[in-house]
Amino acid sequence: MMTKTSTEIQNDIYQFIQTYATTDDQQLSESDFNRVALDLFDYQFKSNLPYKRYAQSQRKSPLIVNNWQSIPLMPIQGTSS
């Protein structure tokens, strides 16, 4: 998987919001949301060292996570130094 740039991810998120703000197609939106979320996870994992360490402590990485529900959530306490 090639890591997208932050601008590409922001554009994908914006496009997702624009596309699904006015539709009820849950099946299609779930698939697209999964793709966008996994791209964001990949970017954060590679660009945010504290998050990467946390994800690794949870035994999660972009190589093994294939569903947005498996992306580790960073506790708010983990963001302070």
PDB file of N, CA and C in Angstrom:
ATOM      1  N   MET A   1       0.837  -1.173   0.000  1.00  0.00           N
ATOM      2  CA  MET A   1       0.000   0.000   0.000  1.00  0.00           C
ATOM      3  C   MET A   1       0.883   1.238   0.000  1.00  0.00           C
ATOM      4  N   MET A   2       0.634   2.145  -0.895  1.00  0.00           N
ATOM      5  CA  MET A   2       1.387   3.389  -0.958  1.00  0.00           C
ATOM      6  C   MET A   2       0.703   4.427  -0.076  1.00  0.00           C
ATOM      7  N   THR A   3       1.486   5.056   0.779  1.00  0.00           N
ATOM      8  CA  THR A   3       0.922   6.049   1.685  1.00  0.00           C
ATOM      9  C   THR A   3       0.508   7.297   0.913  1.00  0.00           C
ATOM     10  N   LYS A   4      -0.715   7.727   1.173  1.00  0.00           N
ATOM     11  CA  LYS A   4      -1.205   8.958   0.556  1.00  0.00           C
ATOM     12  C   LYS A   4      -0.669  10.149   1.343  1.00  0.00           C
ATOM     13  N   THR A   5      -0.666  11.308   0.707  1.00  0.00           N
ATOM     14  CA  THR A   5      -0.266  12.532   1.387  1.00  0.00           C
ATOM     15  C   THR A   5      -1.417  13.016   2.257  1.00  0.00           C
ATOM     16  N   SER A   6      -1.111  13.908   3.181  1.00  0.00           N
ATOM     17  CA  SER A   6      -2.170  14.444   4.034  1.00  0.00           C
ATOM     18  C   SER A   6      -3.226  15.178   3.202  1.00  0.00           C
ATOM     19  N   THR A   7      -2.794  15.856   2.162  1.00  0.00           N
ATOM     20  CA  THR A   7      -3.741  16.568   1.290  1.00  0.00           C
ATOM     21  C   THR A   7      -4.655  15.582   0.572  1.00  0.00           C
ATOM     22  N   GLU A   8      -4.116  14.493   0.086  1.00  0.00           N
ATOM     23  CA  GLU A   8      -4.938  13.475  -0.586  1.00  0.00           C
ATOM     24  C   GLU A   8      -5.958  12.877   0.381  1.00  0.00           C
ATOM     25  N   ILE A   9      -5.530  12.616   1.610  1.00  0.00           N
ATOM     26  CA  ILE A   9      -6.438  12.045   2.606  1.00  0.00           C
ATOM     27  C   ILE A   9      -7.527  13.057   2.963  1.00  0.00           C
ATOM     28  N   GLN A  10      -7.147  14.309   3.150  1.00  0.00           N
ATOM     29  CA  GLN A  10      -8.140  15.346   3.439  1.00  0.00           C
ATOM     30  C   GLN A  10      -9.164  15.442   2.310  1.00  0.00           C
ATOM     31  N   ASN A  11      -8.693  15.387   1.084  1.00  0.00           N
ATOM     32  CA  ASN A  11      -9.602  15.436  -0.067  1.00  0.00           C
ATOM     33  C   ASN A  11     -10.528  14.226  -0.094  1.00  0.00           C
ATOM     34  N   ASP A  12      -9.994  13.054   0.227  1.00  0.00           N
ATOM     35  CA  ASP A  12     -10.820  11.844   0.269  1.00  0.00           C
ATOM     36  C   ASP A  12     -11.900  11.951   1.343  1.00  0.00           C
ATOM     37  N   ILE A  13     -11.531  12.469   2.507  1.00  0.00           N
ATOM     38  CA  ILE A  13     -12.499  12.632   3.589  1.00  0.00           C
ATOM     39  C   ILE A  13     -13.584  13.626   3.173  1.00  0.00           C
ATOM     40  N   TYR A  14     -13.164  14.738   2.611  1.00  0.00           N
ATOM     41  CA  TYR A  14     -14.127  15.742   2.144  1.00  0.00           C
ATOM     42  C   TYR A  14     -15.060  15.147   1.090  1.00  0.00           C
ATOM     43  N   GLN A  15     -14.502  14.398   0.158  1.00  0.00           N
ATOM     44  CA  GLN A  15     -15.312  13.773  -0.891  1.00  0.00           C
ATOM     45  C   GLN A  15     -16.297  12.775  -0.300  1.00  0.00           C
ATOM     46  N   PHE A  16     -15.847  11.996   0.688  1.00  0.00           N
ATOM     47  CA  PHE A  16     -16.732  11.046   1.357  1.00  0.00           C
ATOM     48  C   PHE A  16     -17.912  11.786   1.992  1.00  0.00           C
ATOM     49  N   ILE A  17     -17.624  12.857   2.703  1.00  0.00           N
ATOM     50  CA  ILE A  17     -18.679  13.641   3.357  1.00  0.00           C
ATOM     51  C   ILE A  17     -19.642  14.203   2.324  1.00  0.00           C
ATOM     52  N   GLN A  18     -19.096  14.760   1.249  1.00  0.00           N
ATOM     53  CA  GLN A  18     -19.948  15.326   0.197  1.00  0.00           C
ATOM     54  C   GLN A  18     -20.829  14.258  -0.446  1.00  0.00           C
ATOM     55  N   THR A  19     -20.262  13.099  -0.687  1.00  0.00           N
ATOM     56  CA  THR A  19     -20.985  12.025  -1.372  1.00  0.00           C
ATOM     57  C   THR A  19     -22.094  11.448  -0.509  1.00  0.00           C
ATOM     58  N   TYR A  20     -21.804  11.219   0.770  1.00  0.00           N
ATOM     59  CA  TYR A  20     -22.749  10.486   1.608  1.00  0.00           C
ATOM     60  C   TYR A  20     -23.588  11.363   2.533  1.00  0.00           C
ATOM     61  N   ALA A  21     -23.426  12.661   2.445  1.00  0.00           N
ATOM     62  CA  ALA A  21     -24.249  13.564   3.262  1.00  0.00           C
ATOM     63  C   ALA A  21     -25.709  13.510   2.849  1.00  0.00           C
ATOM     64  N   THR A  22     -25.962  13.128   1.613  1.00  0.00           N
ATOM     65  CA  THR A  22     -27.332  13.153   1.101  1.00  0.00           C
ATOM     66  C   THR A  22     -27.798  11.804   0.561  1.00  0.00           C
ATOM     67  N   THR A  23     -27.179  10.718   0.999  1.00  0.00           N
ATOM     68  CA  THR A  23     -27.592   9.408   0.506  1.00  0.00           C
ATOM     69  C   THR A  23     -27.817   8.447   1.667  1.00  0.00           C
ATOM     70  N   ASP A  24     -28.582   7.424   1.432  1.00  0.00           N
ATOM     71  CA  ASP A  24     -28.848   6.406   2.440  1.00  0.00           C
ATOM     72  C   ASP A  24     -28.213   5.067   2.075  1.00  0.00           C
ATOM     73  N   ASP A  25     -27.301   5.060   1.135  1.00  0.00           N
ATOM     74  CA  ASP A  25     -26.678   3.818   0.685  1.00  0.00           C
ATOM     75  C   ASP A  25     -25.634   3.352   1.706  1.00  0.00           C
ATOM     76  N   GLN A  26     -26.098   2.647   2.739  1.00  0.00           N
ATOM     77  CA  GLN A  26     -25.232   2.230   3.845  1.00  0.00           C
ATOM     78  C   GLN A  26     -24.130   1.265   3.411  1.00  0.00           C
ATOM     79  N   GLN A  27     -24.453   0.351   2.521  1.00  0.00           N
ATOM     80  CA  GLN A  27     -23.467  -0.647   2.112  1.00  0.00           C
ATOM     81  C   GLN A  27     -22.304   0.008   1.376  1.00  0.00           C
ATOM     82  N   LEU A  28     -22.605   0.880   0.445  1.00  0.00           N
ATOM     83  CA  LEU A  28     -21.562   1.566  -0.301  1.00  0.00           C
ATOM     84  C   LEU A  28     -20.778   2.507   0.606  1.00  0.00           C
ATOM     85  N   SER A  29     -21.463   3.225   1.477  1.00  0.00           N
ATOM     86  CA  SER A  29     -20.766   4.159   2.348  1.00  0.00           C
ATOM     87  C   SER A  29     -19.842   3.426   3.319  1.00  0.00           C
ATOM     88  N   GLU A  30     -20.235   2.261   3.805  1.00  0.00           N
ATOM     89  CA  GLU A  30     -19.378   1.463   4.694  1.00  0.00           C
ATOM     90  C   GLU A  30     -18.079   1.083   3.997  1.00  0.00           C
ATOM     91  N   SER A  31     -18.175   0.651   2.761  1.00  0.00           N
ATOM     92  CA  SER A  31     -16.994   0.271   1.986  1.00  0.00           C
ATOM     93  C   SER A  31     -16.074   1.472   1.768  1.00  0.00           C
ATOM     94  N   ASP A  32     -16.645   2.593   1.390  1.00  0.00           N
ATOM     95  CA  ASP A  32     -15.838   3.799   1.161  1.00  0.00           C
ATOM     96  C   ASP A  32     -15.256   4.328   2.468  1.00  0.00           C
ATOM     97  N   PHE A  33     -16.048   4.293   3.548  1.00  0.00           N
ATOM     98  CA  PHE A  33     -15.548   4.740   4.845  1.00  0.00           C
ATOM     99  C   PHE A  33     -14.371   3.874   5.268  1.00  0.00           C
ATOM    100  N   ASN A  34     -14.476   2.579   5.087  1.00  0.00           N
ATOM    101  CA  ASN A  34     -13.397   1.658   5.438  1.00  0.00           C
ATOM    102  C   ASN A  34     -12.112   2.043   4.697  1.00  0.00           C
ATOM    103  N   ARG A  35     -12.226   2.312   3.417  1.00  0.00           N
ATOM    104  CA  ARG A  35     -11.059   2.678   2.609  1.00  0.00           C
ATOM    105  C   ARG A  35     -10.421   3.972   3.120  1.00  0.00           C
ATOM    106  N   VAL A  36     -11.241   4.986   3.368  1.00  0.00           N
ATOM    107  CA  VAL A  36     -10.730   6.272   3.834  1.00  0.00           C
ATOM    108  C   VAL A  36     -10.089   6.113   5.219  1.00  0.00           C
ATOM    109  N   ALA A  37     -10.754   5.378   6.109  1.00  0.00           N
ATOM    110  CA  ALA A  37     -10.231   5.188   7.461  1.00  0.00           C
ATOM    111  C   ALA A  37      -8.903   4.427   7.446  1.00  0.00           C
ATOM    112  N   LEU A  38      -8.795   3.421   6.599  1.00  0.00           N
ATOM    113  CA  LEU A  38      -7.544   2.659   6.519  1.00  0.00           C
ATOM    114  C   LEU A  38      -6.419   3.505   5.941  1.00  0.00           C
ATOM    115  N   ASP A  39      -6.727   4.358   4.982  1.00  0.00           N
ATOM    116  CA  ASP A  39      -5.707   5.279   4.459  1.00  0.00           C
ATOM    117  C   ASP A  39      -5.229   6.235   5.545  1.00  0.00           C
ATOM    118  N   LEU A  40      -6.163   6.744   6.332  1.00  0.00           N
ATOM    119  CA  LEU A  40      -5.808   7.652   7.420  1.00  0.00           C
ATOM    120  C   LEU A  40      -4.981   6.920   8.484  1.00  0.00           C
ATOM    121  N   PHE A  41      -5.367   5.703   8.815  1.00  0.00           N
ATOM    122  CA  PHE A  41      -4.591   4.885   9.767  1.00  0.00           C
ATOM    123  C   PHE A  41      -3.173   4.681   9.265  1.00  0.00           C
ATOM    124  N   ASP A  42      -3.032   4.335   8.001  1.00  0.00           N
ATOM    125  CA  ASP A  42      -1.710   4.123   7.410  1.00  0.00           C
ATOM    126  C   ASP A  42      -0.867   5.396   7.528  1.00  0.00           C
ATOM    127  N   TYR A  43      -1.471   6.528   7.215  1.00  0.00           N
ATOM    128  CA  TYR A  43      -0.755   7.806   7.290  1.00  0.00           C
ATOM    129  C   TYR A  43      -0.343   8.121   8.727  1.00  0.00           C
ATOM    130  N   GLN A  44      -1.278   7.993   9.659  1.00  0.00           N
ATOM    131  CA  GLN A  44      -0.973   8.289  11.058  1.00  0.00           C
ATOM    132  C   GLN A  44       0.087   7.338  11.610  1.00  0.00           C
ATOM    133  N   PHE A  45       0.004   6.087  11.254  1.00  0.00           N
ATOM    134  CA  PHE A  45       0.963   5.086  11.713  1.00  0.00           C
ATOM    135  C   PHE A  45       2.376   5.452  11.259  1.00  0.00           C
ATOM    136  N   LYS A  46       2.492   5.921  10.038  1.00  0.00           N
ATOM    137  CA  LYS A  46       3.811   6.239   9.483  1.00  0.00           C
ATOM    138  C   LYS A  46       4.296   7.640   9.847  1.00  0.00           C
ATOM    139  N   SER A  47       3.386   8.539  10.245  1.00  0.00           N
ATOM    140  CA  SER A  47       3.757   9.937  10.457  1.00  0.00           C
ATOM    141  C   SER A  47       3.720  10.389  11.914  1.00  0.00           C
ATOM    142  N   ASN A  48       3.134   9.611  12.781  1.00  0.00           N
ATOM    143  CA  ASN A  48       2.932  10.019  14.166  1.00  0.00           C
ATOM    144  C   ASN A  48       3.555   8.959  15.076  1.00  0.00           C
ATOM    145  N   LEU A  49       4.786   9.212  15.518  1.00  0.00           N
ATOM    146  CA  LEU A  49       5.532   8.207  16.276  1.00  0.00           C
ATOM    147  C   LEU A  49       4.833   7.771  17.570  1.00  0.00           C
ATOM    148  N   PRO A  50       4.282   8.686  18.381  1.00  0.00           N
ATOM    149  CA  PRO A  50       3.569   8.208  19.583  1.00  0.00           C
ATOM    150  C   PRO A  50       2.394   7.287  19.231  1.00  0.00           C
ATOM    151  N   TYR A  51       1.665   7.625  18.173  1.00  0.00           N
ATOM    152  CA  TYR A  51       0.553   6.769  17.774  1.00  0.00           C
ATOM    153  C   TYR A  51       1.064   5.420  17.259  1.00  0.00           C
ATOM    154  N   LYS A  52       2.135   5.451  16.497  1.00  0.00           N
ATOM    155  CA  LYS A  52       2.711   4.202  15.982  1.00  0.00           C
ATOM    156  C   LYS A  52       3.104   3.284  17.136  1.00  0.00           C
ATOM    157  N   ARG A  53       3.747   3.851  18.133  1.00  0.00           N
ATOM    158  CA  ARG A  53       4.149   3.042  19.298  1.00  0.00           C
ATOM    159  C   ARG A  53       2.936   2.459  19.997  1.00  0.00           C
ATOM    160  N   TYR A  54       1.902   3.296  20.146  1.00  0.00           N
ATOM    161  CA  TYR A  54       0.679   2.812  20.784  1.00  0.00           C
ATOM    162  C   TYR A  54       0.051   1.684  19.963  1.00  0.00           C
ATOM    163  N   ALA A  55      -0.070   1.888  18.657  1.00  0.00           N
ATOM    164  CA  ALA A  55      -0.663   0.860  17.789  1.00  0.00           C
ATOM    165  C   ALA A  55       0.144  -0.438  17.867  1.00  0.00           C
ATOM    166  N   GLN A  56       1.454  -0.311  17.870  1.00  0.00           N
ATOM    167  CA  GLN A  56       2.293  -1.508  17.974  1.00  0.00           C
ATOM    168  C   GLN A  56       2.091  -2.205  19.318  1.00  0.00           C
ATOM    169  N   SER A  57       1.873  -1.422  20.387  1.00  0.00           N
ATOM    170  CA  SER A  57       1.621  -2.037  21.696  1.00  0.00           C
ATOM    171  C   SER A  57       0.303  -2.807  21.693  1.00  0.00           C
ATOM    172  N   GLN A  58      -0.599  -2.434  20.795  1.00  0.00           N
ATOM    173  CA  GLN A  58      -1.876  -3.123  20.631  1.00  0.00           C
ATOM    174  C   GLN A  58      -1.791  -4.225  19.568  1.00  0.00           C
ATOM    175  N   ARG A  59      -0.578  -4.421  19.048  1.00  0.00           N
ATOM    176  CA  ARG A  59      -0.310  -5.415  17.997  1.00  0.00           C
ATOM    177  C   ARG A  59      -1.117  -5.144  16.735  1.00  0.00           C
ATOM    178  N   LYS A  60      -1.135  -3.849  16.357  1.00  0.00           N
ATOM    179  CA  LYS A  60      -1.854  -3.420  15.151  1.00  0.00           C
ATOM    180  C   LYS A  60      -0.908  -2.649  14.257  1.00  0.00           C
ATOM    181  N   SER A  61      -1.047  -2.866  12.970  1.00  0.00           N
ATOM    182  CA  SER A  61      -0.291  -2.121  11.964  1.00  0.00           C
ATOM    183  C   SER A  61      -1.102  -2.122  10.673  1.00  0.00           C
ATOM    184  N   PRO A  62      -0.749  -1.237   9.741  1.00  0.00           N
ATOM    185  CA  PRO A  62      -1.473  -1.223   8.461  1.00  0.00           C
ATOM    186  C   PRO A  62      -1.356  -2.548   7.695  1.00  0.00           C
ATOM    187  N   LEU A  63      -0.365  -3.346   8.021  1.00  0.00           N
ATOM    188  CA  LEU A  63      -0.215  -4.627   7.326  1.00  0.00           C
ATOM    189  C   LEU A  63      -1.239  -5.664   7.770  1.00  0.00           C
ATOM    190  N   ILE A  64      -1.734  -5.527   8.999  1.00  0.00           N
ATOM    191  CA  ILE A  64      -2.670  -6.547   9.491  1.00  0.00           C
ATOM    192  C   ILE A  64      -4.090  -6.040   9.701  1.00  0.00           C
ATOM    193  N   VAL A  65      -4.269  -4.734   9.818  1.00  0.00           N
ATOM    194  CA  VAL A  65      -5.608  -4.178  10.015  1.00  0.00           C
ATOM    195  C   VAL A  65      -6.267  -4.015   8.643  1.00  0.00           C
ATOM    196  N   ASN A  66      -7.429  -4.622   8.470  1.00  0.00           N
ATOM    197  CA  ASN A  66      -8.117  -4.516   7.178  1.00  0.00           C
ATOM    198  C   ASN A  66      -9.564  -4.039   7.301  1.00  0.00           C
ATOM    199  N   ASN A  67      -9.907  -3.576   8.515  1.00  0.00           N
ATOM    200  CA  ASN A  67     -11.254  -3.050   8.735  1.00  0.00           C
ATOM    201  C   ASN A  67     -11.159  -1.887   9.700  1.00  0.00           C
ATOM    202  N   TRP A  68     -11.911  -0.834   9.450  1.00  0.00           N
ATOM    203  CA  TRP A  68     -11.817   0.371  10.278  1.00  0.00           C
ATOM    204  C   TRP A  68     -12.103   0.084  11.745  1.00  0.00           C
ATOM    205  N   GLN A  69     -12.907  -0.916  12.023  1.00  0.00           N
ATOM    206  CA  GLN A  69     -13.248  -1.235  13.405  1.00  0.00           C
ATOM    207  C   GLN A  69     -12.077  -1.831  14.181  1.00  0.00           C
ATOM    208  N   SER A  70     -11.030  -2.241  13.481  1.00  0.00           N
ATOM    209  CA  SER A  70      -9.844  -2.804  14.122  1.00  0.00           C
ATOM    210  C   SER A  70      -8.735  -1.776  14.327  1.00  0.00           C
ATOM    211  N   ILE A  71      -8.946  -0.564  13.865  1.00  0.00           N
ATOM    212  CA  ILE A  71      -7.950   0.491  14.041  1.00  0.00           C
ATOM    213  C   ILE A  71      -7.906   0.854  15.524  1.00  0.00           C
ATOM    214  N   PRO A  72      -6.720   0.826  16.133  1.00  0.00           N
ATOM    215  CA  PRO A  72      -6.657   1.149  17.564  1.00  0.00           C
ATOM    216  C   PRO A  72      -6.963   2.620  17.825  1.00  0.00           C
ATOM    217  N   LEU A  73      -7.808   2.841  18.815  1.00  0.00           N
ATOM    218  CA  LEU A  73      -8.162   4.195  19.217  1.00  0.00           C
ATOM    219  C   LEU A  73      -7.158   4.669  20.263  1.00  0.00           C
ATOM    220  N   MET A  74      -6.578   5.836  20.023  1.00  0.00           N
ATOM    221  CA  MET A  74      -5.591   6.383  20.943  1.00  0.00           C
ATOM    222  C   MET A  74      -6.317   7.054  22.100  1.00  0.00           C
ATOM    223  N   PRO A  75      -6.060   6.612  23.325  1.00  0.00           N
ATOM    224  CA  PRO A  75      -6.698   7.276  24.465  1.00  0.00           C
ATOM    225  C   PRO A  75      -6.217   8.718  24.585  1.00  0.00           C
ATOM    226  N   ILE A  76      -7.082   9.599  25.011  1.00  0.00           N
ATOM    227  CA  ILE A  76      -6.731  11.013  25.117  1.00  0.00           C
ATOM    228  C   ILE A  76      -5.543  11.205  26.063  1.00  0.00           C
ATOM    229  N   GLN A  77      -5.408  10.368  27.068  1.00  0.00           N
ATOM    230  CA  GLN A  77      -4.288  10.467  27.986  1.00  0.00           C
ATOM    231  C   GLN A  77      -2.966  10.172  27.293  1.00  0.00           C
ATOM    232  N   GLY A  78      -3.007   9.467  26.188  1.00  0.00           N
ATOM    233  CA  GLY A  78      -1.793   9.117  25.461  1.00  0.00           C
ATOM    234  C   GLY A  78      -1.215  10.265  24.657  1.00  0.00           C
ATOM    235  N   THR A  79      -1.946  11.377  24.564  1.00  0.00           N
ATOM    236  CA  THR A  79      -1.475  12.483  23.746  1.00  0.00           C
ATOM    237  C   THR A  79      -0.636  13.473  24.522  1.00  0.00           C
ATOM    238  N   SER A  80      -0.629  13.403  25.847  1.00  0.00           N
ATOM    239  CA  SER A  80       0.163  14.359  26.620  1.00  0.00           C
ATOM    240  C   SER A  80       1.525  13.773  26.949  1.00  0.00           C
ATOM    241  N   SER A  81       2.484  14.642  27.044  1.00  0.00           N
ATOM    242  CA  SER A  81       3.851  14.189  27.340  1.00  0.00           C
ATOM    243  C   SER A  81       4.241  14.530  28.751  1.00  0.00           C
TER     244      SER A  81
END
